[in-house]
Amino acid sequence: SAGHAISGYTEAGWAVRQAPDSSYFVIGTSDRYFNFRQNPTLSKYSKNGDTLWTKVYPPDNSSNNETFTVMTPVVNGSFLVVDNVNGDALNVRIIKFDLNGNIIWKKSYFDLYNVGIQSIIPSQSGGYMIAGFTNNFGNFQNPNNIFTMQLDANGDLK
């Protein structure tokens, strides 16, 4: 299948994961849909690369740019996505989706802190381990610090 590009819009794919049925999920961002702001997108493609659907998740605040940037492997019919919210400060939400792109849960973490999540993996306990960075505790010479956290299966901090 041929690649797809649309001129006049700013769009990016950030991660791809294969589903149990050999289809693919792609997360990213596009300014095509609402007020020329970056809106997070989730698309599903067939194993042959044909677009099955694309869903756009409008930001909670129309002045924010949001981007889905990190995605877990598909496990037990669901996966997590990191939604980076860039308003006054970098805020992070984690969203759990089912295989149809429906939101199972959506949680915000560290509303007052500048946090960037770089990686999420499912843990053997059924929860998730997360790693990234924060610049809340650094100084001018070393602005970022390593950040980790654990979530249970419901997205609650452990």
Protein backbone atom coordinates (compact mmCIF):
# COMPACT_ATOMS: atom_id res chain seq x y z
CA SER A 1 0.00 0.00 0.00
CA ALA A 2 1.21 3.51 -0.79
CA GLY A 3 2.08 6.08 1.84
CA HIS A 4 -0.26 8.97 2.53
CA ALA A 5 0.54 12.66 2.86
CA ILE A 6 -1.76 15.68 2.95
CA SER A 7 -0.37 19.10 2.16
CA GLY A 8 -1.35 22.19 4.08
CA TYR A 9 -1.55 20.53 7.49
CA THR A 10 1.01 19.76 10.17
CA GLU A 11 0.72 16.08 11.05
CA ALA A 12 3.05 13.53 12.59
CA GLY A 13 2.96 9.88 13.54
CA TRP A 14 4.78 9.15 16.80
CA ALA A 15 4.43 5.41 17.39
CA VAL A 16 3.05 2.24 15.83
CA ARG A 17 2.02 -1.04 17.46
CA GLN A 18 0.65 -4.24 16.03
CA ALA A 19 -2.67 -5.60 17.31
CA PRO A 20 -3.42 -9.31 17.88
CA ASP A 21 -5.33 -9.46 14.55
CA SER A 22 -2.21 -8.26 12.64
CA SER A 23 -3.67 -4.77 12.13
CA TYR A 24 -1.71 -1.71 13.28
CA PHE A 25 -2.39 1.25 15.53
CA VAL A 26 -0.64 4.57 14.85
CA ILE A 27 -0.68 7.50 17.28
CA GLY A 28 0.20 11.07 16.45
CA THR A 29 -1.08 14.58 16.03
CA SER A 30 -2.76 16.74 13.40
CA ASP A 31 -3.88 20.35 13.09
CA ARG A 32 -6.39 19.43 10.38
CA TYR A 33 -9.47 19.10 12.56
CA PHE A 34 -10.05 21.79 15.20
CA ASN A 35 -8.96 25.45 15.11
CA PHE A 36 -5.54 24.60 13.64
CA ARG A 37 -4.37 23.40 17.05
CA GLN A 38 -2.46 20.16 17.40
CA ASN A 39 -4.97 17.44 18.26
CA PRO A 40 -4.03 13.88 19.20
CA THR A 41 -4.99 11.16 16.73
CA LEU A 42 -5.31 7.38 16.82
CA SER A 43 -5.58 5.45 13.56
CA LYS A 44 -6.05 1.79 12.80
CA TYR A 45 -4.65 0.23 9.63
CA SER A 46 -5.22 -3.20 8.16
CA LYS A 47 -2.31 -5.63 7.90
CA ASN A 48 -2.08 -4.44 4.26
CA GLY A 49 -1.75 -0.80 5.30
CA ASP A 50 -5.26 0.38 4.40
CA THR A 51 -6.81 2.93 6.75
CA LEU A 52 -9.64 1.33 8.75
CA TRP A 53 -10.41 4.39 10.86
CA THR A 54 -8.90 7.52 12.37
CA LYS A 55 -10.15 9.13 15.56
CA VAL A 56 -9.33 12.63 16.73
CA TYR A 57 -9.48 13.50 20.41
CA PRO A 58 -10.10 17.27 20.77
CA PRO A 59 -8.21 18.97 23.59
CA ASP A 60 -10.04 19.70 26.84
CA ASN A 61 -8.92 23.32 26.49
CA SER A 62 -9.05 24.94 23.05
CA SER A 63 -5.82 26.88 23.68
CA ASN A 64 -3.73 23.72 24.24
CA ASN A 65 -1.78 21.73 21.71
CA GLU A 66 -1.91 18.01 22.45
CA THR A 67 0.03 15.11 21.00
CA PHE A 68 -0.08 11.36 21.56
CA THR A 69 3.63 10.50 21.79
CA VAL A 70 4.24 7.18 23.56
CA MET A 71 2.31 3.91 23.26
CA THR A 72 2.51 0.58 25.08
CA PRO A 73 2.29 -2.76 23.31
CA VAL A 74 -1.25 -4.13 23.00
CA VAL A 75 -1.86 -6.45 25.98
CA ASN A 76 -5.16 -8.15 26.87
CA GLY A 77 -7.14 -6.10 24.36
CA SER A 78 -5.98 -2.65 25.46
CA PHE A 79 -3.04 -0.25 25.38
CA LEU A 80 -1.90 2.99 26.99
CA VAL A 81 -1.04 6.23 25.23
CA VAL A 82 0.71 9.31 26.60
CA ASP A 83 -1.06 12.59 25.81
CA ASN A 84 1.36 15.52 26.13
CA VAL A 85 -0.59 18.68 26.83
CA ASN A 86 1.33 21.83 26.00
CA GLY A 87 -0.46 24.81 27.50
CA ASP A 88 1.14 27.02 30.13
CA ALA A 89 3.39 24.10 31.14
CA LEU A 90 3.99 20.58 29.92
CA ASN A 91 1.36 18.38 31.50
CA VAL A 92 0.88 14.67 30.94
CA ARG A 93 -2.17 12.49 30.70
CA ILE A 94 -2.23 8.76 30.25
CA ILE A 95 -5.16 7.23 28.40
CA LYS A 96 -6.13 3.57 28.21
CA PHE A 97 -7.84 2.52 24.97
CA ASP A 98 -9.64 -0.61 23.85
CA LEU A 99 -9.04 -2.11 20.39
CA ASN A 100 -11.78 0.09 18.86
CA GLY A 101 -10.19 3.34 20.01
CA ASN A 102 -12.67 3.85 22.86
CA ILE A 103 -11.30 5.43 26.02
CA ILE A 104 -11.37 3.05 29.01
CA TRP A 105 -9.87 5.63 31.38
CA LYS A 106 -8.00 8.93 31.19
CA LYS A 107 -5.91 10.27 34.06
CA SER A 108 -3.81 13.39 34.55
CA TYR A 109 -0.64 13.35 36.58
CA PHE A 110 1.49 16.15 37.98
CA ASP A 111 -0.62 19.10 36.85
CA LEU A 112 1.79 21.48 38.56
CA TYR A 113 5.01 19.93 37.29
CA ASN A 114 6.84 19.91 33.99
CA VAL A 115 7.03 16.19 33.24
CA GLY A 116 7.80 14.35 30.03
CA ILE A 117 7.11 10.62 29.73
CA GLN A 118 9.45 8.80 27.38
CA SER A 119 8.53 5.14 27.96
CA ILE A 120 5.79 2.93 29.44
CA ILE A 121 5.87 -0.84 29.76
CA PRO A 122 3.31 -3.27 31.17
CA SER A 123 4.52 -4.86 34.41
CA GLN A 124 4.07 -8.47 35.49
CA SER A 125 1.72 -7.29 38.26
CA GLY A 126 -0.79 -6.04 35.66
CA GLY A 127 0.15 -2.39 36.08
CA TYR A 128 2.69 -0.21 34.30
CA MET A 129 6.19 1.18 34.85
CA ILE A 130 6.87 4.65 33.48
CA ALA A 131 10.08 6.59 32.88
CA GLY A 132 10.76 10.11 31.71
CA PHE A 133 12.07 13.45 32.92
CA THR A 134 11.10 16.46 34.99
CA ASN A 135 12.73 19.86 35.20
CA ASN A 136 11.17 20.83 38.52
CA PHE A 137 14.15 19.92 40.65
CA GLY A 138 17.09 20.79 38.41
CA ASN A 139 19.09 23.96 38.11
CA PHE A 140 20.31 26.07 35.21
CA GLN A 141 23.27 23.80 34.43
CA ASN A 142 21.33 20.52 34.90
CA PRO A 143 17.68 21.31 34.25
CA ASN A 144 16.28 17.77 33.85
CA ASN A 145 16.07 14.88 36.29
CA ILE A 146 15.07 11.25 35.74
CA PHE A 147 11.47 10.60 36.66
CA THR A 148 9.81 7.20 37.27
CA MET A 149 6.42 6.09 38.53
CA GLN A 150 4.31 2.96 38.76
CA LEU A 151 0.62 2.65 38.01
CA ASP A 152 -1.79 -0.15 38.85
CA ALA A 153 -4.09 -1.59 36.17
CA ASN A 154 -6.61 1.22 36.78
CA GLY A 155 -4.05 3.98 36.26
CA ASP A 156 -3.73 4.87 39.92
CA LEU A 157 -0.29 5.70 41.34
CA LYS A 158 1.28 2.90 43.35
